[in-house]
Amino acid sequence: MTLSAKDAAATAFTSLGVLAFLATHEGWGVPLIGASHRWAAGAVALLGILTCGLGSREPGRSATLPSVLGTAALVLSAVAIATGSLTALSLLVLDIVLLWALSTLRHGRSHAPHRTLTA
């Protein structure tokens, strides 16, 4: 499995999003986020947008599931920022992690060399 530099950057952005969630959930008092679920939702949404910007459409592949997850992330971002709900923020982080995992697994499979079985 060979992954690109974009996959590494997406992993870093996703990890930062999870850390932002943990910072507000655990009340670590991190600058900018503090204990505010709204600020954490804004940071996670921004990191998700940056991660999404690294992506590219693969020809011949269905994008139905990523599209549904991306739309859900947009809605959850708006809800989490508007309400400050920890539940919406948690679901947003879960959604972004699922998008990252799906994309990384797909990239890993598409870059792997195809081997034929011989008898």
Protein backbone atom coordinates (compact mmCIF):
# COMPACT_ATOMS: atom_id res chain seq x y z
CA MET A 1 0.00 0.00 0.00
CA THR A 2 1.49 3.31 -1.11
CA LEU A 3 0.02 6.58 0.05
CA SER A 4 0.81 10.08 -1.17
CA ALA A 5 1.87 13.26 0.59
CA LYS A 6 -1.74 14.45 0.30
CA ASP A 7 -2.82 11.40 2.30
CA ALA A 8 -0.26 12.27 4.98
CA ALA A 9 -1.52 15.87 5.11
CA ALA A 10 -5.13 14.66 5.31
CA THR A 11 -4.13 12.39 8.19
CA ALA A 12 -2.50 15.33 9.98
CA PHE A 13 -5.57 17.57 9.51
CA THR A 14 -7.92 14.81 10.68
CA SER A 15 -5.74 14.17 13.72
CA LEU A 16 -5.79 17.88 14.57
CA GLY A 17 -9.59 17.80 14.31
CA VAL A 18 -9.79 14.90 16.73
CA LEU A 19 -7.40 16.73 19.09
CA ALA A 20 -9.58 19.88 18.91
CA PHE A 21 -12.59 17.76 19.86
CA LEU A 22 -10.71 16.15 22.75
CA ALA A 23 -9.49 19.55 23.94
CA THR A 24 -13.00 20.92 24.30
CA HIS A 25 -14.49 17.66 25.56
CA GLU A 26 -11.88 17.29 28.28
CA GLY A 27 -11.64 21.03 29.03
CA TRP A 28 -7.91 21.31 28.40
CA GLY A 29 -8.11 25.10 28.00
CA VAL A 30 -6.31 25.17 24.67
CA PRO A 31 -6.02 28.72 23.24
CA LEU A 32 -8.73 29.60 20.70
CA ILE A 33 -10.85 26.57 21.61
CA GLY A 34 -10.88 26.58 25.40
CA ALA A 35 -13.99 24.75 26.61
CA SER A 36 -16.23 26.19 23.87
CA HIS A 37 -17.96 23.60 21.74
CA ARG A 38 -18.74 26.29 19.15
CA TRP A 39 -15.08 27.26 18.70
CA ALA A 40 -14.12 23.59 18.52
CA ALA A 41 -16.84 23.00 15.90
CA GLY A 42 -15.48 25.92 13.87
CA ALA A 43 -11.93 24.57 14.11
CA VAL A 44 -13.02 21.03 13.21
CA ALA A 45 -15.10 22.33 10.28
CA LEU A 46 -12.14 24.37 8.99
CA LEU A 47 -9.81 21.37 9.28
CA GLY A 48 -12.41 19.22 7.52
CA ILE A 49 -12.63 21.74 4.68
CA LEU A 50 -8.83 21.77 4.36
CA THR A 51 -8.81 17.98 4.30
CA CYS A 52 -11.54 17.88 1.68
CA GLY A 53 -9.58 20.33 -0.45
CA LEU A 54 -6.77 17.79 -0.69
CA GLY A 55 -9.06 15.22 -2.29
CA SER A 56 -9.51 14.42 -5.93
CA ARG A 57 -12.20 12.54 -7.80
CA GLU A 58 -11.12 9.19 -9.11
CA PRO A 59 -12.48 8.41 -12.57
CA GLY A 60 -14.80 5.43 -12.73
CA ARG A 61 -15.42 5.36 -8.97
CA SER A 62 -18.78 5.97 -7.38
CA ALA A 63 -18.76 8.96 -5.04
CA THR A 64 -22.17 8.32 -3.49
CA LEU A 65 -21.02 7.45 0.05
CA PRO A 66 -18.40 10.23 0.25
CA SER A 67 -20.99 12.70 -1.06
CA VAL A 68 -23.51 11.66 1.58
CA LEU A 69 -20.87 11.87 4.32
CA GLY A 70 -19.68 15.25 3.03
CA THR A 71 -23.21 16.63 3.03
CA ALA A 72 -23.76 15.28 6.54
CA ALA A 73 -20.52 16.97 7.65
CA LEU A 74 -21.74 20.30 6.26
CA VAL A 75 -25.07 20.00 8.07
CA LEU A 76 -23.44 18.83 11.31
CA SER A 77 -20.96 21.73 11.12
CA ALA A 78 -23.79 24.23 10.86
CA VAL A 79 -25.74 22.59 13.69
CA ALA A 80 -22.69 22.30 15.97
CA ILE A 81 -21.69 25.93 15.42
CA ALA A 82 -25.24 27.25 15.79
CA THR A 83 -26.18 25.28 18.91
CA GLY A 84 -22.84 24.53 20.59
CA SER A 85 -24.05 20.96 21.00
CA LEU A 86 -21.45 18.42 22.07
CA THR A 87 -23.50 15.68 20.38
CA ALA A 88 -23.43 17.46 17.02
CA LEU A 89 -19.71 18.11 17.44
CA SER A 90 -19.10 14.44 18.26
CA LEU A 91 -21.04 13.33 15.20
CA LEU A 92 -19.14 15.85 13.05
CA VAL A 93 -15.79 14.46 14.19
CA LEU A 94 -16.99 10.89 13.63
CA ASP A 95 -18.19 11.83 10.13
CA ILE A 96 -14.86 13.44 9.22
CA VAL A 97 -12.91 10.46 10.54
CA LEU A 98 -15.10 8.12 8.47
CA LEU A 99 -14.50 10.24 5.36
CA TRP A 100 -10.74 10.20 6.01
CA ALA A 101 -10.70 6.42 6.57
CA LEU A 102 -12.78 5.72 3.46
CA SER A 103 -10.58 7.94 1.31
CA THR A 104 -7.30 6.60 2.70
CA LEU A 105 -8.36 2.98 2.25
CA ARG A 106 -9.51 3.68 -1.30
CA HIS A 107 -6.23 5.41 -2.15
CA GLY A 108 -4.23 2.58 -0.62
CA ARG A 109 -6.06 0.01 -2.69
CA SER A 110 -5.90 1.96 -5.94
CA HIS A 111 -2.13 2.50 -5.69
CA ALA A 112 -1.33 -1.10 -4.76
CA PRO A 113 0.17 -3.14 -7.59
CA HIS A 114 -2.15 -5.79 -8.99
CA ARG A 115 -0.78 -9.31 -8.77
CA THR A 116 -2.05 -12.30 -10.64
CA LEU A 117 -2.22 -15.72 -9.09
CA THR A 118 -0.29 -18.45 -10.85
CA ALA A 119 -0.71 -22.14 -10.34
